[in-house]
PDB file of all heavy atoms in Angstrom:
ATOM      1  N   THR A   1       3.087  -6.129  39.574  1.00  0.00           N
ATOM      2  CA  THR A   1       2.171  -5.044  40.104  1.00  0.00           C
ATOM      3  C   THR A   1       1.404  -4.366  38.959  1.00  0.00           C
ATOM      4  O   THR A   1       0.533  -3.639  39.182  1.00  0.00           O
ATOM      5  CB  THR A   1       3.049  -3.918  40.766  1.00  0.00           C
ATOM      6  OG1 THR A   1       4.073  -3.530  39.831  1.00  0.00           O
ATOM      7  CG2 THR A   1       3.783  -4.445  41.923  1.00  0.00           C
ATOM      8  N   PHE A   2       1.842  -4.624  37.663  1.00  0.00           N
ATOM      9  CA  PHE A   2       1.216  -3.942  36.543  1.00  0.00           C
ATOM     10  C   PHE A   2       1.444  -4.882  35.367  1.00  0.00           C
ATOM     11  O   PHE A   2       2.553  -5.403  35.110  1.00  0.00           O
ATOM     12  CB  PHE A   2       1.881  -2.646  36.290  1.00  0.00           C
ATOM     13  CG  PHE A   2       1.152  -1.730  35.348  1.00  0.00           C
ATOM     14  CD1 PHE A   2       0.005  -1.148  35.814  1.00  0.00           C
ATOM     15  CD2 PHE A   2       1.626  -1.455  34.127  1.00  0.00           C
ATOM     16  CE1 PHE A   2      -0.700  -0.189  35.007  1.00  0.00           C
ATOM     17  CE2 PHE A   2       0.968  -0.560  33.277  1.00  0.00           C
ATOM     18  CZ  PHE A   2      -0.236   0.013  33.728  1.00  0.00           C
ATOM     19  N   THR A   3       0.491  -5.199  34.552  1.00  0.00           N
ATOM     20  CA  THR A   3       0.455  -6.081  33.473  1.00  0.00           C
ATOM     21  C   THR A   3      -0.208  -5.500  32.202  1.00  0.00           C
ATOM     22  O   THR A   3      -1.280  -4.949  32.366  1.00  0.00           O
ATOM     23  CB  THR A   3      -0.146  -7.435  33.752  1.00  0.00           C
ATOM     24  OG1 THR A   3       0.527  -8.093  34.867  1.00  0.00           O
ATOM     25  CG2 THR A   3      -0.133  -8.370  32.549  1.00  0.00           C
ATOM     26  N   THR A   4       0.417  -5.577  31.046  1.00  0.00           N
ATOM     27  CA  THR A   4      -0.155  -5.093  29.885  1.00  0.00           C
ATOM     28  C   THR A   4      -0.168  -6.173  28.778  1.00  0.00           C
ATOM     29  O   THR A   4       0.775  -7.038  28.691  1.00  0.00           O
ATOM     30  CB  THR A   4       0.618  -3.913  29.209  1.00  0.00           C
ATOM     31  OG1 THR A   4       1.859  -4.309  28.853  1.00  0.00           O
ATOM     32  CG2 THR A   4       0.778  -2.791  30.277  1.00  0.00           C
ATOM     33  N   ARG A   5      -1.315  -6.255  28.023  1.00  0.00           N
ATOM     34  CA  ARG A   5      -1.475  -7.155  26.946  1.00  0.00           C
ATOM     35  C   ARG A   5      -1.933  -6.339  25.745  1.00  0.00           C
ATOM     36  O   ARG A   5      -3.006  -5.724  25.714  1.00  0.00           O
ATOM     37  CB  ARG A   5      -2.480  -8.277  27.254  1.00  0.00           C
ATOM     38  CG  ARG A   5      -2.211  -8.942  28.615  1.00  0.00           C
ATOM     39  CD  ARG A   5      -1.118 -10.033  28.323  1.00  0.00           C
ATOM     40  NE  ARG A   5      -0.969 -10.961  29.418  1.00  0.00           N
ATOM     41  CZ  ARG A   5      -0.193 -10.693  30.522  1.00  0.00           C
ATOM     42  NH1 ARG A   5       0.492  -9.621  30.517  1.00  0.00           N
ATOM     43  NH2 ARG A   5      -0.156 -11.583  31.560  1.00  0.00           N
ATOM     44  N   GLY A   6      -1.243  -6.331  24.612  1.00  0.00           N
ATOM     45  CA  GLY A   6      -1.606  -5.596  23.438  1.00  0.00           C
ATOM     46  C   GLY A   6      -1.633  -6.564  22.194  1.00  0.00           C
ATOM     47  O   GLY A   6      -0.736  -7.327  22.063  1.00  0.00           O
ATOM     48  N   THR A   7      -2.590  -6.326  21.401  1.00  0.00           N
ATOM     49  CA  THR A   7      -2.746  -7.070  20.226  1.00  0.00           C
ATOM     50  C   THR A   7      -3.117  -6.126  19.064  1.00  0.00           C
ATOM     51  O   THR A   7      -4.001  -5.327  19.237  1.00  0.00           O
ATOM     52  CB  THR A   7      -3.819  -8.209  20.293  1.00  0.00           C
ATOM     53  OG1 THR A   7      -3.445  -9.091  21.431  1.00  0.00           O
ATOM     54  CG2 THR A   7      -3.886  -8.963  19.015  1.00  0.00           C
ATOM     55  N   SER A   8      -2.453  -6.275  17.914  1.00  0.00           N
ATOM     56  CA  SER A   8      -2.771  -5.503  16.740  1.00  0.00           C
ATOM     57  C   SER A   8      -2.920  -6.428  15.511  1.00  0.00           C
ATOM     58  O   SER A   8      -1.889  -7.140  15.223  1.00  0.00           O
ATOM     59  CB  SER A   8      -1.757  -4.374  16.548  1.00  0.00           C
ATOM     60  OG  SER A   8      -2.022  -3.626  15.414  1.00  0.00           O
ATOM     61  N   THR A   9      -4.039  -6.478  14.894  1.00  0.00           N
ATOM     62  CA  THR A   9      -4.252  -7.234  13.676  1.00  0.00           C
ATOM     63  C   THR A   9      -4.609  -6.428  12.489  1.00  0.00           C
ATOM     64  O   THR A   9      -5.342  -5.484  12.644  1.00  0.00           O
ATOM     65  CB  THR A   9      -5.519  -8.206  13.989  1.00  0.00           C
ATOM     66  OG1 THR A   9      -5.210  -8.964  15.152  1.00  0.00           O
ATOM     67  CG2 THR A   9      -5.660  -9.123  12.811  1.00  0.00           C
ATOM     68  N   ARG A  10      -3.976  -6.732  11.435  1.00  0.00           N
ATOM     69  CA  ARG A  10      -4.118  -5.959  10.211  1.00  0.00           C
ATOM     70  C   ARG A  10      -4.343  -6.864   9.028  1.00  0.00           C
ATOM     71  O   ARG A  10      -3.833  -7.847   8.818  1.00  0.00           O
ATOM     72  CB  ARG A  10      -2.828  -5.168   9.886  1.00  0.00           C
ATOM     73  CG  ARG A  10      -2.565  -4.074  10.934  1.00  0.00           C
ATOM     74  CD  ARG A  10      -1.346  -3.215  10.642  1.00  0.00           C
ATOM     75  NE  ARG A  10      -1.000  -2.368  11.769  1.00  0.00           N
ATOM     76  CZ  ARG A  10      -0.951  -0.980  11.691  1.00  0.00           C
ATOM     77  NH1 ARG A  10      -1.236  -0.429  10.503  1.00  0.00           N
ATOM     78  NH2 ARG A  10      -0.773  -0.282  12.723  1.00  0.00           N
ATOM     79  N   TYR A  11      -5.331  -6.338   8.166  1.00  0.00           N
ATOM     80  CA  TYR A  11      -5.668  -7.033   6.947  1.00  0.00           C
ATOM     81  C   TYR A  11      -5.411  -5.949   5.838  1.00  0.00           C
ATOM     82  O   TYR A  11      -5.876  -4.898   5.899  1.00  0.00           O
ATOM     83  CB  TYR A  11      -7.132  -7.417   6.913  1.00  0.00           C
ATOM     84  CG  TYR A  11      -7.555  -8.209   8.087  1.00  0.00           C
ATOM     85  CD1 TYR A  11      -8.093  -7.636   9.165  1.00  0.00           C
ATOM     86  CD2 TYR A  11      -7.580  -9.618   8.089  1.00  0.00           C
ATOM     87  CE1 TYR A  11      -8.504  -8.333  10.313  1.00  0.00           C
ATOM     88  CE2 TYR A  11      -7.945 -10.341   9.178  1.00  0.00           C
ATOM     89  CZ  TYR A  11      -8.436  -9.670  10.267  1.00  0.00           C
ATOM     90  OH  TYR A  11      -8.819 -10.378  11.347  1.00  0.00           O
ATOM     91  N   ASP A  12      -4.606  -6.371   4.855  1.00  0.00           N
ATOM     92  CA  ASP A  12      -4.269  -5.294   3.817  1.00  0.00           C
ATOM     93  C   ASP A  12      -4.208  -5.852   2.417  1.00  0.00           C
ATOM     94  O   ASP A  12      -3.921  -7.045   2.195  1.00  0.00           O
ATOM     95  CB  ASP A  12      -2.857  -4.797   4.154  1.00  0.00           C
ATOM     96  CG  ASP A  12      -1.726  -5.815   4.201  1.00  0.00           C
ATOM     97  OD1 ASP A  12      -1.148  -5.993   3.145  1.00  0.00           O
ATOM     98  OD2 ASP A  12      -1.464  -6.313   5.318  1.00  0.00           O
ATOM     99  N   TYR A  13      -4.461  -5.015   1.497  1.00  0.00           N
ATOM    100  CA  TYR A  13      -4.426  -5.292   0.028  1.00  0.00           C
ATOM    101  C   TYR A  13      -3.785  -4.132  -0.676  1.00  0.00           C
ATOM    102  O   TYR A  13      -4.101  -2.990  -0.344  1.00  0.00           O
ATOM    103  CB  TYR A  13      -5.826  -5.597  -0.525  1.00  0.00           C
ATOM    104  CG  TYR A  13      -5.844  -5.671  -2.006  1.00  0.00           C
ATOM    105  CD1 TYR A  13      -5.329  -6.698  -2.728  1.00  0.00           C
ATOM    106  CD2 TYR A  13      -6.317  -4.582  -2.704  1.00  0.00           C
ATOM    107  CE1 TYR A  13      -5.289  -6.728  -4.187  1.00  0.00           C
ATOM    108  CE2 TYR A  13      -6.300  -4.566  -4.104  1.00  0.00           C
ATOM    109  CZ  TYR A  13      -5.866  -5.666  -4.857  1.00  0.00           C
ATOM    110  OH  TYR A  13      -5.806  -5.674  -6.230  1.00  0.00           O
ATOM    111  N   GLN A  14      -2.937  -4.422  -1.651  1.00  0.00           N
ATOM    112  CA  GLN A  14      -2.295  -3.315  -2.408  1.00  0.00           C
ATOM    113  C   GLN A  14      -2.147  -3.799  -3.889  1.00  0.00           C
ATOM    114  O   GLN A  14      -1.719  -4.993  -4.041  1.00  0.00           O
ATOM    115  CB  GLN A  14      -0.910  -3.019  -1.764  1.00  0.00           C
ATOM    116  CG  GLN A  14      -0.233  -1.897  -2.620  1.00  0.00           C
ATOM    117  CD  GLN A  14       1.060  -1.374  -1.874  1.00  0.00           C
ATOM    118  OE1 GLN A  14       1.006  -1.158  -0.637  1.00  0.00           O
ATOM    119  NE2 GLN A  14       2.106  -1.223  -2.599  1.00  0.00           N
ATOM    120  N   THR A  15      -2.364  -2.918  -4.803  1.00  0.00           N
ATOM    121  CA  THR A  15      -2.095  -3.153  -6.133  1.00  0.00           C
ATOM    122  C   THR A  15      -1.350  -1.992  -6.769  1.00  0.00           C
ATOM    123  O   THR A  15      -1.574  -0.879  -6.534  1.00  0.00           O
ATOM    124  CB  THR A  15      -3.411  -3.433  -6.879  1.00  0.00           C
ATOM    125  OG1 THR A  15      -3.239  -3.728  -8.322  1.00  0.00           O
ATOM    126  CG2 THR A  15      -4.354  -2.246  -6.901  1.00  0.00           C
ATOM    127  N   ASP A  16      -0.419  -2.367  -7.621  1.00  0.00           N
ATOM    128  CA  ASP A  16       0.462  -1.413  -8.372  1.00  0.00           C
ATOM    129  C   ASP A  16       0.375  -1.679  -9.789  1.00  0.00           C
ATOM    130  O   ASP A  16       0.498  -2.842 -10.263  1.00  0.00           O
ATOM    131  CB  ASP A  16       1.873  -1.555  -7.902  1.00  0.00           C
ATOM    132  CG  ASP A  16       2.076  -1.393  -6.383  1.00  0.00           C
ATOM    133  OD1 ASP A  16       1.761  -0.250  -5.896  1.00  0.00           O
ATOM    134  OD2 ASP A  16       2.464  -2.302  -5.773  1.00  0.00           O
ATOM    135  N   PHE A  17       0.204  -0.648 -10.562  1.00  0.00           N
ATOM    136  CA  PHE A  17       0.155  -0.730 -12.060  1.00  0.00           C
ATOM    137  C   PHE A  17       1.157   0.200 -12.676  1.00  0.00           C
ATOM    138  O   PHE A  17       1.156   1.444 -12.423  1.00  0.00           O
ATOM    139  CB  PHE A  17      -1.210  -0.444 -12.589  1.00  0.00           C
ATOM    140  CG  PHE A  17      -1.413  -0.612 -14.059  1.00  0.00           C
ATOM    141  CD1 PHE A  17      -1.400  -1.887 -14.619  1.00  0.00           C
ATOM    142  CD2 PHE A  17      -1.485   0.465 -14.909  1.00  0.00           C
ATOM    143  CE1 PHE A  17      -1.450  -2.020 -15.983  1.00  0.00           C
ATOM    144  CE2 PHE A  17      -1.635   0.288 -16.259  1.00  0.00           C
ATOM    145  CZ  PHE A  17      -1.615  -0.886 -16.766  1.00  0.00           C
ATOM    146  N   ARG A  18       2.031  -0.297 -13.523  1.00  0.00           N
ATOM    147  CA  ARG A  18       3.121   0.511 -14.224  1.00  0.00           C
ATOM    148  C   ARG A  18       2.787   0.544 -15.648  1.00  0.00           C
ATOM    149  O   ARG A  18       2.480  -0.437 -16.345  1.00  0.00           O
ATOM    150  CB  ARG A  18       4.501  -0.182 -13.975  1.00  0.00           C
ATOM    151  CG  ARG A  18       5.571   0.521 -14.803  1.00  0.00           C
ATOM    152  CD  ARG A  18       6.905  -0.135 -14.546  1.00  0.00           C
ATOM    153  NE  ARG A  18       7.487   0.193 -13.352  1.00  0.00           N
ATOM    154  CZ  ARG A  18       8.195   1.249 -12.997  1.00  0.00           C
ATOM    155  NH1 ARG A  18       8.381   2.199 -13.942  1.00  0.00           N
ATOM    156  NH2 ARG A  18       8.599   1.465 -11.819  1.00  0.00           N
ATOM    157  N   ILE A  19       3.006   1.826 -16.210  1.00  0.00           N
ATOM    158  CA  ILE A  19       2.765   2.021 -17.596  1.00  0.00           C
ATOM    159  C   ILE A  19       3.965   3.037 -18.057  1.00  0.00           C
ATOM    160  O   ILE A  19       4.174   3.981 -17.380  1.00  0.00           O
ATOM    161  CB  ILE A  19       1.324   2.527 -17.925  1.00  0.00           C
ATOM    162  CG1 ILE A  19       1.221   2.697 -19.502  1.00  0.00           C
ATOM    163  CG2 ILE A  19       1.084   3.874 -17.254  1.00  0.00           C
ATOM    164  CD1 ILE A  19      -0.185   2.968 -19.892  1.00  0.00           C
ATOM    165  N   ASP A  20       4.473   2.710 -19.252  1.00  0.00           N
ATOM    166  CA  ASP A  20       5.486   3.575 -19.765  1.00  0.00           C
ATOM    167  C   ASP A  20       4.924   4.298 -21.011  1.00  0.00           C
ATOM    168  O   ASP A  20       4.198   3.718 -21.793  1.00  0.00           O
ATOM    169  CB  ASP A  20       6.727   2.830 -20.236  1.00  0.00           C
ATOM    170  CG  ASP A  20       7.325   2.115 -19.001  1.00  0.00           C
ATOM    171  OD1 ASP A  20       7.339   2.767 -17.932  1.00  0.00           O
ATOM    172  OD2 ASP A  20       7.840   0.973 -19.225  1.00  0.00           O
ATOM    173  N   THR A  21       5.174   5.656 -21.114  1.00  0.00           N
ATOM    174  CA  THR A  21       4.833   6.416 -22.274  1.00  0.00           C
ATOM    175  C   THR A  21       5.977   7.170 -22.823  1.00  0.00           C
ATOM    176  O   THR A  21       6.259   8.302 -22.565  1.00  0.00           O
ATOM    177  CB  THR A  21       3.792   7.435 -21.836  1.00  0.00           C
ATOM    178  OG1 THR A  21       4.333   8.305 -20.712  1.00  0.00           O
ATOM    179  CG2 THR A  21       2.494   6.791 -21.305  1.00  0.00           C
ATOM    180  N   PRO A  22       6.860   6.408 -23.695  1.00  0.00           N
ATOM    181  CA  PRO A  22       8.019   6.983 -24.269  1.00  0.00           C
ATOM    182  C   PRO A  22       7.802   8.276 -24.977  1.00  0.00           C
ATOM    183  O   PRO A  22       8.656   9.157 -25.045  1.00  0.00           O
ATOM    184  CB  PRO A  22       8.531   5.881 -25.086  1.00  0.00           C
ATOM    185  CG  PRO A  22       7.935   4.617 -24.577  1.00  0.00           C
ATOM    186  CD  PRO A  22       6.554   5.037 -24.075  1.00  0.00           C
ATOM    187  N   SER A  23       6.657   8.375 -25.600  1.00  0.00           N
ATOM    188  CA  SER A  23       6.364   9.515 -26.483  1.00  0.00           C
ATOM    189  C   SER A  23       6.063  10.763 -25.580  1.00  0.00           C
ATOM    190  O   SER A  23       5.998  11.895 -26.202  1.00  0.00           O
ATOM    191  CB  SER A  23       5.255   9.245 -27.455  1.00  0.00           C
ATOM    192  OG  SER A  23       4.098   8.877 -26.791  1.00  0.00           O
ATOM    193  N   LEU A  24       5.697  10.553 -24.403  1.00  0.00           N
ATOM    194  CA  LEU A  24       5.334  11.642 -23.534  1.00  0.00           C
ATOM    195  C   LEU A  24       6.457  11.851 -22.483  1.00  0.00           C
ATOM    196  O   LEU A  24       6.438  11.400 -21.348  1.00  0.00           O
ATOM    197  CB  LEU A  24       4.050  11.330 -22.693  1.00  0.00           C
ATOM    198  CG  LEU A  24       3.504  12.366 -21.825  1.00  0.00           C
ATOM    199  CD1 LEU A  24       3.168  13.707 -22.562  1.00  0.00           C
ATOM    200  CD2 LEU A  24       2.252  11.925 -21.062  1.00  0.00           C
ATOM    201  N   ALA A  25       7.489  12.616 -22.919  1.00  0.00           N
ATOM    202  CA  ALA A  25       8.608  13.032 -22.102  1.00  0.00           C
ATOM    203  C   ALA A  25       9.380  11.837 -21.546  1.00  0.00           C
ATOM    204  O   ALA A  25       9.916  11.877 -20.465  1.00  0.00           O
ATOM    205  CB  ALA A  25       8.202  13.980 -20.991  1.00  0.00           C
ATOM    206  N   GLY A  26       9.274  10.683 -22.216  1.00  0.00           N
ATOM    207  CA  GLY A  26       9.881   9.442 -21.795  1.00  0.00           C
ATOM    208  C   GLY A  26       9.451   9.018 -20.386  1.00  0.00           C
ATOM    209  O   GLY A  26      10.273   8.560 -19.631  1.00  0.00           O
ATOM    210  N   ALA A  27       8.214   9.227 -20.087  1.00  0.00           N
ATOM    211  CA  ALA A  27       7.628   9.021 -18.754  1.00  0.00           C
ATOM    212  C   ALA A  27       7.376   7.600 -18.400  1.00  0.00           C
ATOM    213  O   ALA A  27       6.973   6.840 -19.224  1.00  0.00           O
ATOM    214  CB  ALA A  27       6.357   9.944 -18.515  1.00  0.00           C
ATOM    215  N   SER A  28       7.559   7.310 -17.069  1.00  0.00           N
ATOM    216  CA  SER A  28       7.176   6.061 -16.501  1.00  0.00           C
ATOM    217  C   SER A  28       6.257   6.332 -15.359  1.00  0.00           C
ATOM    218  O   SER A  28       6.589   7.165 -14.487  1.00  0.00           O
ATOM    219  CB  SER A  28       8.423   5.276 -16.036  1.00  0.00           C
ATOM    220  OG  SER A  28       8.018   4.087 -15.421  1.00  0.00           O
ATOM    221  N   HIS A  29       5.080   5.670 -15.314  1.00  0.00           N
ATOM    222  CA  HIS A  29       4.029   5.973 -14.313  1.00  0.00           C
ATOM    223  C   HIS A  29       3.821   4.761 -13.489  1.00  0.00           C
ATOM    224  O   HIS A  29       3.710   3.599 -14.021  1.00  0.00           O
ATOM    225  CB  HIS A  29       2.704   6.368 -14.985  1.00  0.00           C
ATOM    226  CG  HIS A  29       2.870   7.395 -16.073  1.00  0.00           C
ATOM    227  ND1 HIS A  29       2.687   8.718 -15.938  1.00  0.00           N
ATOM    228  CD2 HIS A  29       3.243   7.198 -17.426  1.00  0.00           C
ATOM    229  CE1 HIS A  29       2.907   9.346 -17.069  1.00  0.00           C
ATOM    230  NE2 HIS A  29       3.215   8.457 -17.999  1.00  0.00           N
ATOM    231  N   VAL A  30       3.584   4.956 -12.269  1.00  0.00           N
ATOM    232  CA  VAL A  30       3.146   3.857 -11.248  1.00  0.00           C
ATOM    233  C   VAL A  30       1.940   4.381 -10.488  1.00  0.00           C
ATOM    234  O   VAL A  30       2.052   5.279  -9.865  1.00  0.00           O
ATOM    235  CB  VAL A  30       4.297   3.419 -10.306  1.00  0.00           C
ATOM    236  CG1 VAL A  30       3.760   2.363  -9.434  1.00  0.00           C
ATOM    237  CG2 VAL A  30       5.498   2.952 -11.120  1.00  0.00           C
ATOM    238  N   PHE A  31       0.762   3.607 -10.582  1.00  0.00           N
ATOM    239  CA  PHE A  31      -0.321   3.939  -9.847  1.00  0.00           C
ATOM    240  C   PHE A  31      -0.540   2.857  -8.724  1.00  0.00           C
ATOM    241  O   PHE A  31      -0.433   1.610  -8.969  1.00  0.00           O
ATOM    242  CB  PHE A  31      -1.586   3.902 -10.766  1.00  0.00           C
ATOM    243  CG  PHE A  31      -1.513   4.872 -11.946  1.00  0.00           C
ATOM    244  CD1 PHE A  31      -0.938   4.497 -13.097  1.00  0.00           C
ATOM    245  CD2 PHE A  31      -2.025   6.119 -11.769  1.00  0.00           C
ATOM    246  CE1 PHE A  31      -0.874   5.458 -14.172  1.00  0.00           C
ATOM    247  CE2 PHE A  31      -1.987   7.053 -12.823  1.00  0.00           C
ATOM    248  CZ  PHE A  31      -1.437   6.678 -14.000  1.00  0.00           C
ATOM    249  N   THR A  32      -0.740   3.330  -7.570  1.00  0.00           N
ATOM    250  CA  THR A  32      -0.895   2.468  -6.430  1.00  0.00           C
ATOM    251  C   THR A  32      -2.158   2.727  -5.645  1.00  0.00           C
ATOM    252  O   THR A  32      -2.489   3.798  -5.402  1.00  0.00           O
ATOM    253  CB  THR A  32       0.236   2.694  -5.394  1.00  0.00           C
ATOM    254  OG1 THR A  32       1.480   2.326  -6.040  1.00  0.00           O
ATOM    255  CG2 THR A  32       0.147   1.704  -4.187  1.00  0.00           C
ATOM    256  N   LEU A  33      -2.919   1.569  -5.392  1.00  0.00           N
ATOM    257  CA  LEU A  33      -4.117   1.626  -4.510  1.00  0.00           C
ATOM    258  C   LEU A  33      -3.948   0.706  -3.395  1.00  0.00           C
ATOM    259  O   LEU A  33      -3.508  -0.438  -3.605  1.00  0.00           O
ATOM    260  CB  LEU A  33      -5.315   1.360  -5.302  1.00  0.00           C
ATOM    261  CG  LEU A  33      -5.785   2.274  -6.488  1.00  0.00           C
ATOM    262  CD1 LEU A  33      -6.963   1.850  -7.139  1.00  0.00           C
ATOM    263  CD2 LEU A  33      -6.049   3.777  -5.795  1.00  0.00           C
ATOM    264  N   ALA A  34      -4.308   1.047  -2.247  1.00  0.00           N
ATOM    265  CA  ALA A  34      -4.099   0.152  -0.970  1.00  0.00           C
ATOM    266  C   ALA A  34      -5.276   0.377  -0.071  1.00  0.00           C
ATOM    267  O   ALA A  34      -5.787   1.510   0.076  1.00  0.00           O
ATOM    268  CB  ALA A  34      -2.772   0.450  -0.331  1.00  0.00           C
ATOM    269  N   ALA A  35      -5.649  -0.677   0.611  1.00  0.00           N
ATOM    270  CA  ALA A  35      -6.768  -0.693   1.667  1.00  0.00           C
ATOM    271  C   ALA A  35      -6.172  -1.545   2.813  1.00  0.00           C
ATOM    272  O   ALA A  35      -5.512  -2.537   2.646  1.00  0.00           O
ATOM    273  CB  ALA A  35      -8.075  -1.246   1.185  1.00  0.00           C
ATOM    274  N   GLU A  36      -6.539  -0.920   3.984  1.00  0.00           N
ATOM    275  CA  GLU A  36      -6.075  -1.619   5.189  1.00  0.00           C
ATOM    276  C   GLU A  36      -7.078  -1.604   6.318  1.00  0.00           C
ATOM    277  O   GLU A  36      -7.647  -0.610   6.537  1.00  0.00           O
ATOM    278  CB  GLU A  36      -4.725  -0.923   5.725  1.00  0.00           C
ATOM    279  CG  GLU A  36      -4.258  -1.486   6.989  1.00  0.00           C
ATOM    280  CD  GLU A  36      -3.000  -0.628   7.410  1.00  0.00           C
ATOM    281  OE1 GLU A  36      -3.276   0.501   7.992  1.00  0.00           O
ATOM    282  OE2 GLU A  36      -1.910  -1.100   7.299  1.00  0.00           O
ATOM    283  N   ARG A  37      -7.309  -2.655   7.042  1.00  0.00           N
ATOM    284  CA  ARG A  37      -8.175  -2.748   8.167  1.00  0.00           C
ATOM    285  C   ARG A  37      -7.242  -3.076   9.414  1.00  0.00           C
ATOM    286  O   ARG A  37      -6.596  -4.034   9.417  1.00  0.00           O
ATOM    287  CB  ARG A  37      -9.261  -3.825   8.032  1.00  0.00           C
ATOM    288  CG  ARG A  37     -10.104  -4.080   9.223  1.00  0.00           C
ATOM    289  CD  ARG A  37     -11.144  -2.957   9.411  1.00  0.00           C
ATOM    290  NE  ARG A  37     -12.020  -3.324  10.503  1.00  0.00           N
ATOM    291  CZ  ARG A  37     -12.946  -2.505  10.937  1.00  0.00           C
ATOM    292  NH1 ARG A  37     -13.110  -1.306  10.349  1.00  0.00           N
ATOM    293  NH2 ARG A  37     -13.873  -2.817  11.860  1.00  0.00           N
ATOM    294  N   LYS A  38      -7.329  -2.215  10.436  1.00  0.00           N
ATOM    295  CA  LYS A  38      -6.565  -2.446  11.641  1.00  0.00           C
ATOM    296  C   LYS A  38      -7.415  -2.527  12.837  1.00  0.00           C
ATOM    297  O   LYS A  38      -8.364  -1.777  13.026  1.00  0.00           O
ATOM    298  CB  LYS A  38      -5.626  -1.118  11.816  1.00  0.00           C
ATOM    299  CG  LYS A  38      -4.770  -1.346  13.086  1.00  0.00           C
ATOM    300  CD  LYS A  38      -3.793  -0.197  13.229  1.00  0.00           C
ATOM    301  CE  LYS A  38      -4.548   1.136  13.655  1.00  0.00           C
ATOM    302  NZ  LYS A  38      -3.602   2.220  14.110  1.00  0.00           N
ATOM    303  N   GLU A  39      -7.142  -3.536  13.635  1.00  0.00           N
ATOM    304  CA  GLU A  39      -7.961  -3.821  14.890  1.00  0.00           C
ATOM    305  C   GLU A  39      -6.980  -3.812  16.043  1.00  0.00           C
ATOM    306  O   GLU A  39      -6.127  -4.794  16.166  1.00  0.00           O
ATOM    307  CB  GLU A  39      -8.755  -5.116  14.757  1.00  0.00           C
ATOM    308  CG  GLU A  39      -9.766  -5.117  13.599  1.00  0.00           C
ATOM    309  CD  GLU A  39     -10.366  -6.544  13.359  1.00  0.00           C
ATOM    310  OE1 GLU A  39      -9.902  -7.491  14.095  1.00  0.00           O
ATOM    311  OE2 GLU A  39     -11.191  -6.641  12.544  1.00  0.00           O
TER     312      GLU A  39
END
């Protein structure tokens, strides 16, 4: 009596960059950028 059809397609890219700065409060940094297309 009732029918549903669902489709979800995703394209994604992600990059992560880590850098350590021991002289700066012993800090560890991670920078992340991501892009995604959803249909």
